[in-house]
All heavy atoms as atom14 arrays in JSON, in Angstrom:
{
  "sequence": "VDAIRSRRVPEGVCVRASPVVSRRLAALDAEIARLTRRR",
  "atom14_mask": [
    [1, 1, 1, 1, 1, 1, 1, 0, 0, 0, 0, 0, 0, 0],
    [1, 1, 1, 1, 1, 1, 1, 1, 0, 0, 0, 0, 0, 0],
    [1, 1, 1, 1, 1, 0, 0, 0, 0, 0, 0, 0, 0, 0],
    [1, 1, 1, 1, 1, 1, 1, 1, 0, 0, 0, 0, 0, 0],
    [1, 1, 1, 1, 1, 1, 1, 1, 1, 1, 1, 0, 0, 0],
    [1, 1, 1, 1, 1, 1, 0, 0, 0, 0, 0, 0, 0, 0],
    [1, 1, 1, 1, 1, 1, 1, 1, 1, 1, 1, 0, 0, 0],
    [1, 1, 1, 1, 1, 1, 1, 1, 1, 1, 1, 0, 0, 0],
    [1, 1, 1, 1, 1, 1, 1, 0, 0, 0, 0, 0, 0, 0],
    [1, 1, 1, 1, 1, 1, 1, 0, 0, 0, 0, 0, 0, 0],
    [1, 1, 1, 1, 1, 1, 1, 1, 1, 0, 0, 0, 0, 0],
    [1, 1, 1, 1, 0, 0, 0, 0, 0, 0, 0, 0, 0, 0],
    [1, 1, 1, 1, 1, 1, 1, 0, 0, 0, 0, 0, 0, 0],
    [1, 1, 1, 1, 1, 1, 0, 0, 0, 0, 0, 0, 0, 0],
    [1, 1, 1, 1, 1, 1, 1, 0, 0, 0, 0, 0, 0, 0],
    [1, 1, 1, 1, 1, 1, 1, 1, 1, 1, 1, 0, 0, 0],
    [1, 1, 1, 1, 1, 0, 0, 0, 0, 0, 0, 0, 0, 0],
    [1, 1, 1, 1, 1, 1, 0, 0, 0, 0, 0, 0, 0, 0],
    [1, 1, 1, 1, 1, 1, 1, 0, 0, 0, 0, 0, 0, 0],
    [1, 1, 1, 1, 1, 1, 1, 0, 0, 0, 0, 0, 0, 0],
    [1, 1, 1, 1, 1, 1, 1, 0, 0, 0, 0, 0, 0, 0],
    [1, 1, 1, 1, 1, 1, 0, 0, 0, 0, 0, 0, 0, 0],
    [1, 1, 1, 1, 1, 1, 1, 1, 1, 1, 1, 0, 0, 0],
    [1, 1, 1, 1, 1, 1, 1, 1, 1, 1, 1, 0, 0, 0],
    [1, 1, 1, 1, 1, 1, 1, 1, 0, 0, 0, 0, 0, 0],
    [1, 1, 1, 1, 1, 0, 0, 0, 0, 0, 0, 0, 0, 0],
    [1, 1, 1, 1, 1, 0, 0, 0, 0, 0, 0, 0, 0, 0],
    [1, 1, 1, 1, 1, 1, 1, 1, 0, 0, 0, 0, 0, 0],
    [1, 1, 1, 1, 1, 1, 1, 1, 0, 0, 0, 0, 0, 0],
    [1, 1, 1, 1, 1, 0, 0, 0, 0, 0, 0, 0, 0, 0],
    [1, 1, 1, 1, 1, 1, 1, 1, 1, 0, 0, 0, 0, 0],
    [1, 1, 1, 1, 1, 1, 1, 1, 0, 0, 0, 0, 0, 0],
    [1, 1, 1, 1, 1, 0, 0, 0, 0, 0, 0, 0, 0, 0],
    [1, 1, 1, 1, 1, 1, 1, 1, 1, 1, 1, 0, 0, 0],
    [1, 1, 1, 1, 1, 1, 1, 1, 0, 0, 0, 0, 0, 0],
    [1, 1, 1, 1, 1, 1, 1, 0, 0, 0, 0, 0, 0, 0],
    [1, 1, 1, 1, 1, 1, 1, 1, 1, 1, 1, 0, 0, 0],
    [1, 1, 1, 1, 1, 1, 1, 1, 1, 1, 1, 0, 0, 0],
    [1, 1, 1, 1, 1, 1, 1, 1, 1, 1, 1, 0, 0, 0]
  ],
  "atom14_positions": [
    [[-16.21, 34.29, -10.66], [-17.35, 35.17, -10.41], [-16.9, 36.48, -9.71], [-17.38, 37.54, -10.07], [-18.42, 34.44, -9.62], [-19.52, 35.39, -9.18], [-18.98, 33.27, -10.4], [0.0, 0.0, 0.0], [0.0, 0.0, 0.0], [0.0, 0.0, 0.0], [0.0, 0.0, 0.0], [0.0, 0.0, 0.0], [0.0, 0.0, 0.0], [0.0, 0.0, 0.0]],
    [[-15.98, 36.37, -8.77], [-15.56, 37.57, -8.05], [-14.86, 38.54, -9.01], [-14.99, 39.76, -8.87], [-14.65, 37.22, -6.87], [-15.41, 36.5, -5.77], [-16.62, 36.72, -5.65], [-14.79, 35.65, -5.09], [0.0, 0.0, 0.0], [0.0, 0.0, 0.0], [0.0, 0.0, 0.0], [0.0, 0.0, 0.0], [0.0, 0.0, 0.0], [0.0, 0.0, 0.0]],
    [[-14.08, 38.01, -9.97], [-13.4, 38.87, -10.9], [-14.38, 39.56, -11.82], [-14.24, 40.75, -12.15], [-12.38, 38.04, -11.78], [0.0, 0.0, 0.0], [0.0, 0.0, 0.0], [0.0, 0.0, 0.0], [0.0, 0.0, 0.0], [0.0, 0.0, 0.0], [0.0, 0.0, 0.0], [0.0, 0.0, 0.0], [0.0, 0.0, 0.0], [0.0, 0.0, 0.0]],
    [[-15.46, 38.84, -12.21], [-16.48, 39.49, -13.07], [-17.17, 40.59, -12.29], [-17.33, 41.69, -12.78], [-17.52, 38.41, -13.52], [-16.87, 37.41, -14.44], [-18.67, 39.1, -14.21], [-17.73, 36.22, -14.76], [0.0, 0.0, 0.0], [0.0, 0.0, 0.0], [0.0, 0.0, 0.0], [0.0, 0.0, 0.0], [0.0, 0.0, 0.0], [0.0, 0.0, 0.0]],
    [[-17.56, 40.29, -11.06], [-18.29, 41.3, -10.27], [-17.47, 42.52, -9.97], [-17.95, 43.61, -9.95], [-18.77, 40.67, -8.97], [-19.91, 39.73, -9.12], [-20.45, 39.33, -7.84], [-21.61, 38.41, -8.09], [-21.8, 37.29, -7.41], [-20.94, 36.92, -6.44], [-22.82, 36.5, -7.71], [0.0, 0.0, 0.0], [0.0, 0.0, 0.0], [0.0, 0.0, 0.0]],
    [[-16.15, 42.33, -9.75], [-15.32, 43.49, -9.41], [-14.71, 44.1, -10.63], [-13.95, 45.06, -10.53], [-14.24, 43.05, -8.44], [-13.36, 42.17, -9.09], [0.0, 0.0, 0.0], [0.0, 0.0, 0.0], [0.0, 0.0, 0.0], [0.0, 0.0, 0.0], [0.0, 0.0, 0.0], [0.0, 0.0, 0.0], [0.0, 0.0, 0.0], [0.0, 0.0, 0.0]],
    [[-14.99, 43.51, -11.79], [-14.42, 43.98, -13.07], [-12.93, 43.82, -13.14], [-12.22, 44.53, -13.87], [-14.83, 45.43, -13.38], [-16.34, 45.49, -13.45], [-16.83, 46.81, -13.81], [-18.32, 46.7, -13.72], [-19.13, 47.6, -14.07], [-18.68, 48.68, -14.54], [-20.41, 47.45, -13.93], [0.0, 0.0, 0.0], [0.0, 0.0, 0.0], [0.0, 0.0, 0.0]],
    [[-12.37, 42.89, -12.33], [-10.97, 42.55, -12.41], [-10.81, 41.31, -13.27], [-10.36, 40.26, -12.84], [-10.43, 42.25, -11.02], [-10.37, 43.41, -10.09], [-9.86, 43.01, -8.7], [-10.8, 42.11, -8.03], [-10.62, 40.8, -7.84], [-9.54, 40.19, -8.26], [-11.52, 40.04, -7.23], [0.0, 0.0, 0.0], [0.0, 0.0, 0.0], [0.0, 0.0, 0.0]],
    [[-11.18, 41.43, -14.53], [-11.15, 40.26, -15.42], [-9.78, 40.2, -16.1], [-9.28, 41.25, -16.55], [-12.28, 40.37, -16.48], [-12.25, 39.22, -17.42], [-13.63, 40.45, -15.77], [0.0, 0.0, 0.0], [0.0, 0.0, 0.0], [0.0, 0.0, 0.0], [0.0, 0.0, 0.0], [0.0, 0.0, 0.0], [0.0, 0.0, 0.0], [0.0, 0.0, 0.0]],
    [[-9.17, 39.02, -16.2], [-7.85, 38.96, -16.84], [-7.88, 39.43, -18.24], [-8.84, 39.33, -18.96], [-7.55, 37.45, -16.8], [-8.42, 36.94, -15.7], [-9.62, 37.78, -15.67], [0.0, 0.0, 0.0], [0.0, 0.0, 0.0], [0.0, 0.0, 0.0], [0.0, 0.0, 0.0], [0.0, 0.0, 0.0], [0.0, 0.0, 0.0], [0.0, 0.0, 0.0]],
    [[-6.79, 40.06, -18.67], [-6.64, 40.6, -20.04], [-6.87, 39.48, -21.06], [-6.4, 38.36, -20.87], [-5.24, 41.17, -20.22], [-5.05, 41.99, -21.45], [-5.9, 43.29, -21.37], [-5.94, 43.93, -20.34], [-6.52, 43.61, -22.43], [0.0, 0.0, 0.0], [0.0, 0.0, 0.0], [0.0, 0.0, 0.0], [0.0, 0.0, 0.0], [0.0, 0.0, 0.0]],
    [[-7.63, 39.77, -22.12], [-7.82, 38.84, -23.15], [-8.96, 37.85, -22.96], [-9.21, 37.02, -23.8], [0.0, 0.0, 0.0], [0.0, 0.0, 0.0], [0.0, 0.0, 0.0], [0.0, 0.0, 0.0], [0.0, 0.0, 0.0], [0.0, 0.0, 0.0], [0.0, 0.0, 0.0], [0.0, 0.0, 0.0], [0.0, 0.0, 0.0], [0.0, 0.0, 0.0]],
    [[-9.69, 37.97, -21.87], [-10.83, 37.07, -21.65], [-12.05, 37.64, -22.31], [-12.14, 38.87, -22.49], [-11.03, 36.91, -20.1], [-12.23, 36.04, -19.82], [-9.78, 36.27, -19.51], [0.0, 0.0, 0.0], [0.0, 0.0, 0.0], [0.0, 0.0, 0.0], [0.0, 0.0, 0.0], [0.0, 0.0, 0.0], [0.0, 0.0, 0.0], [0.0, 0.0, 0.0]],
    [[-13.0, 36.79, -22.62], [-14.12, 37.18, -23.44], [-14.97, 38.34, -22.91], [-15.64, 39.01, -23.65], [-15.01, 35.99, -23.73], [-15.96, 35.43, -22.33], [0.0, 0.0, 0.0], [0.0, 0.0, 0.0], [0.0, 0.0, 0.0], [0.0, 0.0, 0.0], [0.0, 0.0, 0.0], [0.0, 0.0, 0.0], [0.0, 0.0, 0.0], [0.0, 0.0, 0.0]],
    [[-14.91, 38.6, -21.63], [-15.74, 39.64, -21.06], [-15.13, 41.0, -21.33], [-15.84, 42.01, -21.21], [-15.93, 39.4, -19.55], [-16.74, 40.53, -18.89], [-16.63, 38.09, -19.35], [0.0, 0.0, 0.0], [0.0, 0.0, 0.0], [0.0, 0.0, 0.0], [0.0, 0.0, 0.0], [0.0, 0.0, 0.0], [0.0, 0.0, 0.0], [0.0, 0.0, 0.0]],
    [[-13.89, 41.1, -21.69], [-13.26, 42.41, -21.87], [-12.89, 42.58, -23.37], [-12.17, 41.77, -23.92], [-12.0, 42.52, -21.03], [-11.33, 43.83, -21.12], [-10.09, 43.87, -20.33], [-10.35, 44.54, -19.07], [-9.53, 44.59, -18.08], [-8.37, 44.0, -18.18], [-9.85, 45.26, -17.01], [0.0, 0.0, 0.0], [0.0, 0.0, 0.0], [0.0, 0.0, 0.0]],
    [[-13.36, 43.69, -23.94], [-13.02, 44.09, -25.29], [-13.2, 42.95, -26.33], [-12.39, 42.79, -27.21], [-11.59, 44.61, -25.31], [0.0, 0.0, 0.0], [0.0, 0.0, 0.0], [0.0, 0.0, 0.0], [0.0, 0.0, 0.0], [0.0, 0.0, 0.0], [0.0, 0.0, 0.0], [0.0, 0.0, 0.0], [0.0, 0.0, 0.0], [0.0, 0.0, 0.0]],
    [[-14.22, 42.2, -26.18], [-14.48, 41.11, -27.02], [-15.59, 41.47, -28.03], [-16.49, 42.2, -27.69], [-14.97, 39.9, -26.22], [-15.49, 38.93, -27.03], [0.0, 0.0, 0.0], [0.0, 0.0, 0.0], [0.0, 0.0, 0.0], [0.0, 0.0, 0.0], [0.0, 0.0, 0.0], [0.0, 0.0, 0.0], [0.0, 0.0, 0.0], [0.0, 0.0, 0.0]],
    [[-15.48, 40.95, -29.26], [-16.58, 41.19, -30.21], [-17.9, 40.68, -29.68], [-18.95, 41.24, -29.96], [-16.14, 40.45, -31.46], [-14.67, 40.19, -31.31], [-14.39, 40.21, -29.84], [0.0, 0.0, 0.0], [0.0, 0.0, 0.0], [0.0, 0.0, 0.0], [0.0, 0.0, 0.0], [0.0, 0.0, 0.0], [0.0, 0.0, 0.0], [0.0, 0.0, 0.0]],
    [[-17.88, 39.58, -28.95], [-19.12, 39.04, -28.4], [-19.75, 40.07, -27.46], [-20.97, 40.36, -27.55], [-18.81, 37.72, -27.62], [-20.04, 37.25, -26.83], [-18.38, 36.62, -28.59], [0.0, 0.0, 0.0], [0.0, 0.0, 0.0], [0.0, 0.0, 0.0], [0.0, 0.0, 0.0], [0.0, 0.0, 0.0], [0.0, 0.0, 0.0], [0.0, 0.0, 0.0]],
    [[-18.95, 40.6, -26.56], [-19.46, 41.56, -25.59], [-19.86, 42.85, -26.3], [-20.88, 43.44, -26.01], [-18.45, 41.79, -24.49], [-18.89, 42.91, -23.57], [-18.21, 40.5, -23.67], [0.0, 0.0, 0.0], [0.0, 0.0, 0.0], [0.0, 0.0, 0.0], [0.0, 0.0, 0.0], [0.0, 0.0, 0.0], [0.0, 0.0, 0.0], [0.0, 0.0, 0.0]],
    [[-19.02, 43.28, -27.26], [-19.38, 44.51, -28.0], [-20.7, 44.4, -28.72], [-21.51, 45.29, -28.67], [-18.28, 44.84, -29.01], [-17.06, 45.09, -28.31], [0.0, 0.0, 0.0], [0.0, 0.0, 0.0], [0.0, 0.0, 0.0], [0.0, 0.0, 0.0], [0.0, 0.0, 0.0], [0.0, 0.0, 0.0], [0.0, 0.0, 0.0], [0.0, 0.0, 0.0]],
    [[-20.9, 43.22, -29.38], [-22.19, 43.03, -30.05], [-23.36, 43.01, -29.1], [-24.42, 43.55, -29.33], [-22.16, 41.69, -30.84], [-21.42, 41.77, -32.11], [-21.67, 40.53, -33.01], [-21.4, 39.29, -32.33], [-20.2, 38.67, -32.31], [-19.16, 39.21, -32.95], [-20.09, 37.52, -31.71], [0.0, 0.0, 0.0], [0.0, 0.0, 0.0], [0.0, 0.0, 0.0]],
    [[-23.14, 42.38, -27.89], [-24.25, 42.31, -26.95], [-24.52, 43.66, -26.38], [-25.69, 44.02, -26.18], [-23.87, 41.31, -25.82], [-25.0, 41.03, -24.91], [-26.12, 40.3, -25.65], [-27.26, 40.28, -24.84], [-28.5, 40.43, -25.25], [-28.78, 40.61, -26.52], [-29.51, 40.4, -24.41], [0.0, 0.0, 0.0], [0.0, 0.0, 0.0], [0.0, 0.0, 0.0]],
    [[-23.49, 44.46, -26.09], [-23.71, 45.83, -25.6], [-24.49, 46.66, -26.62], [-25.4, 47.42, -26.31], [-22.38, 46.52, -25.24], [-21.7, 46.0, -24.0], [-20.31, 46.59, -23.87], [-22.51, 46.3, -22.78], [0.0, 0.0, 0.0], [0.0, 0.0, 0.0], [0.0, 0.0, 0.0], [0.0, 0.0, 0.0], [0.0, 0.0, 0.0], [0.0, 0.0, 0.0]],
    [[-24.12, 46.54, -27.89], [-24.87, 47.25, -28.99], [-26.3, 46.79, -29.01], [-27.22, 47.62, -29.18], [-24.16, 47.03, -30.29], [0.0, 0.0, 0.0], [0.0, 0.0, 0.0], [0.0, 0.0, 0.0], [0.0, 0.0, 0.0], [0.0, 0.0, 0.0], [0.0, 0.0, 0.0], [0.0, 0.0, 0.0], [0.0, 0.0, 0.0], [0.0, 0.0, 0.0]],
    [[-26.54, 45.52, -28.88], [-27.95, 45.02, -28.92], [-28.71, 45.54, -27.69], [-29.87, 45.94, -27.79], [-27.95, 43.47, -28.9], [0.0, 0.0, 0.0], [0.0, 0.0, 0.0], [0.0, 0.0, 0.0], [0.0, 0.0, 0.0], [0.0, 0.0, 0.0], [0.0, 0.0, 0.0], [0.0, 0.0, 0.0], [0.0, 0.0, 0.0], [0.0, 0.0, 0.0]],
    [[-28.08, 45.54, -26.53], [-28.75, 46.1, -25.33], [-29.03, 47.57, -25.47], [-30.07, 48.06, -25.12], [-27.91, 45.85, -24.1], [-27.88, 44.39, -23.61], [-26.79, 44.26, -22.53], [-29.22, 43.91, -23.13], [0.0, 0.0, 0.0], [0.0, 0.0, 0.0], [0.0, 0.0, 0.0], [0.0, 0.0, 0.0], [0.0, 0.0, 0.0], [0.0, 0.0, 0.0]],
    [[-28.06, 48.32, -26.03], [-28.27, 49.78, -26.26], [-29.43, 50.02, -27.28], [-30.27, 50.9, -27.0], [-26.99, 50.46, -26.82], [-25.91, 50.58, -25.75], [-26.23, 50.48, -24.57], [-24.71, 50.77, -26.16], [0.0, 0.0, 0.0], [0.0, 0.0, 0.0], [0.0, 0.0, 0.0], [0.0, 0.0, 0.0], [0.0, 0.0, 0.0], [0.0, 0.0, 0.0]],
    [[-29.53, 49.19, -28.29], [-30.61, 49.35, -29.26], [-31.97, 49.04, -28.59], [-32.96, 49.7, -28.83], [-30.38, 48.41, -30.46], [0.0, 0.0, 0.0], [0.0, 0.0, 0.0], [0.0, 0.0, 0.0], [0.0, 0.0, 0.0], [0.0, 0.0, 0.0], [0.0, 0.0, 0.0], [0.0, 0.0, 0.0], [0.0, 0.0, 0.0], [0.0, 0.0, 0.0]],
    [[-31.98, 48.0, -27.74], [-33.2, 47.66, -27.06], [-33.63, 48.73, -26.09], [-34.83, 49.03, -25.95], [-33.05, 46.3, -26.34], [-34.26, 45.81, -25.63], [-35.41, 45.38, -26.52], [-35.28, 45.44, -27.79], [-36.46, 45.03, -26.0], [0.0, 0.0, 0.0], [0.0, 0.0, 0.0], [0.0, 0.0, 0.0], [0.0, 0.0, 0.0], [0.0, 0.0, 0.0]],
    [[-32.64, 49.3, -25.38], [-32.95, 50.43, -24.45], [-33.53, 51.59, -25.22], [-34.55, 52.19, -24.81], [-31.72, 50.82, -23.68], [-31.36, 49.73, -22.67], [-31.89, 52.21, -22.99], [-29.98, 49.89, -22.03], [0.0, 0.0, 0.0], [0.0, 0.0, 0.0], [0.0, 0.0, 0.0], [0.0, 0.0, 0.0], [0.0, 0.0, 0.0], [0.0, 0.0, 0.0]],
    [[-32.95, 51.95, -26.41], [-33.51, 53.03, -27.2], [-34.91, 52.73, -27.67], [-35.78, 53.6, -27.64], [-32.55, 53.29, -28.39], [0.0, 0.0, 0.0], [0.0, 0.0, 0.0], [0.0, 0.0, 0.0], [0.0, 0.0, 0.0], [0.0, 0.0, 0.0], [0.0, 0.0, 0.0], [0.0, 0.0, 0.0], [0.0, 0.0, 0.0], [0.0, 0.0, 0.0]],
    [[-35.16, 51.49, -28.1], [-36.48, 51.09, -28.56], [-37.48, 51.22, -27.44], [-38.6, 51.76, -27.62], [-36.46, 49.67, -29.13], [-37.77, 49.23, -29.73], [-37.76, 47.75, -30.13], [-37.72, 46.88, -28.97], [-38.82, 46.57, -28.23], [-39.98, 47.13, -28.47], [-38.72, 45.76, -27.21], [0.0, 0.0, 0.0], [0.0, 0.0, 0.0], [0.0, 0.0, 0.0]],
    [[-37.13, 50.7, -26.31], [-38.03, 50.76, -25.14], [-38.29, 52.22, -24.67], [-39.4, 52.57, -24.27], [-37.52, 49.93, -24.0], [-37.57, 48.4, -24.21], [-36.85, 47.67, -23.12], [-38.99, 47.91, -24.35], [0.0, 0.0, 0.0], [0.0, 0.0, 0.0], [0.0, 0.0, 0.0], [0.0, 0.0, 0.0], [0.0, 0.0, 0.0], [0.0, 0.0, 0.0]],
    [[-37.29, 53.05, -24.77], [-37.44, 54.44, -24.37], [-38.4, 55.14, -25.32], [-39.27, 55.9, -24.88], [-36.06, 55.15, -24.35], [-35.21, 54.49, -23.41], [-36.21, 56.61, -23.98], [0.0, 0.0, 0.0], [0.0, 0.0, 0.0], [0.0, 0.0, 0.0], [0.0, 0.0, 0.0], [0.0, 0.0, 0.0], [0.0, 0.0, 0.0], [0.0, 0.0, 0.0]],
    [[-38.25, 54.87, -26.62], [-39.19, 55.44, -27.56], [-40.61, 54.99, -27.3], [-41.58, 55.78, -27.3], [-38.79, 55.07, -28.99], [-37.63, 55.87, -29.55], [-37.43, 55.67, -31.05], [-37.35, 54.28, -31.44], [-36.22, 53.55, -31.44], [-35.11, 54.09, -31.06], [-36.27, 52.27, -31.83], [0.0, 0.0, 0.0], [0.0, 0.0, 0.0], [0.0, 0.0, 0.0]],
    [[-40.77, 53.69, -27.02], [-42.1, 53.13, -26.76], [-42.68, 53.76, -25.48], [-43.86, 54.1, -25.45], [-42.0, 51.63, -26.59], [-43.38, 51.0, -26.28], [-43.29, 49.51, -26.25], [-43.7, 49.09, -27.58], [-43.61, 47.86, -27.95], [-43.21, 46.92, -27.13], [-44.0, 47.49, -29.15], [0.0, 0.0, 0.0], [0.0, 0.0, 0.0], [0.0, 0.0, 0.0]],
    [[-41.87, 53.92, -24.46], [-42.33, 54.53, -23.23], [-42.77, 55.98, -23.45], [-43.8, 56.41, -23.0], [-41.21, 54.48, -22.2], [-41.64, 55.0, -20.85], [-40.55, 55.97, -20.28], [-41.0, 56.61, -19.08], [-41.67, 57.76, -19.08], [-41.91, 58.42, -20.19], [-42.07, 58.26, -17.95], [0.0, 0.0, 0.0], [0.0, 0.0, 0.0], [0.0, 0.0, 0.0]]
  ]
}
């Protein structure tokens, strides 16, 4: 947990440069854009 919070995540772990994280970031960006338009 401390590594996640401080962004000191070991190289190659799913939280860094992972397709899972990239897809989730894209989904969050799309949701933010949708909510901004609605607002």
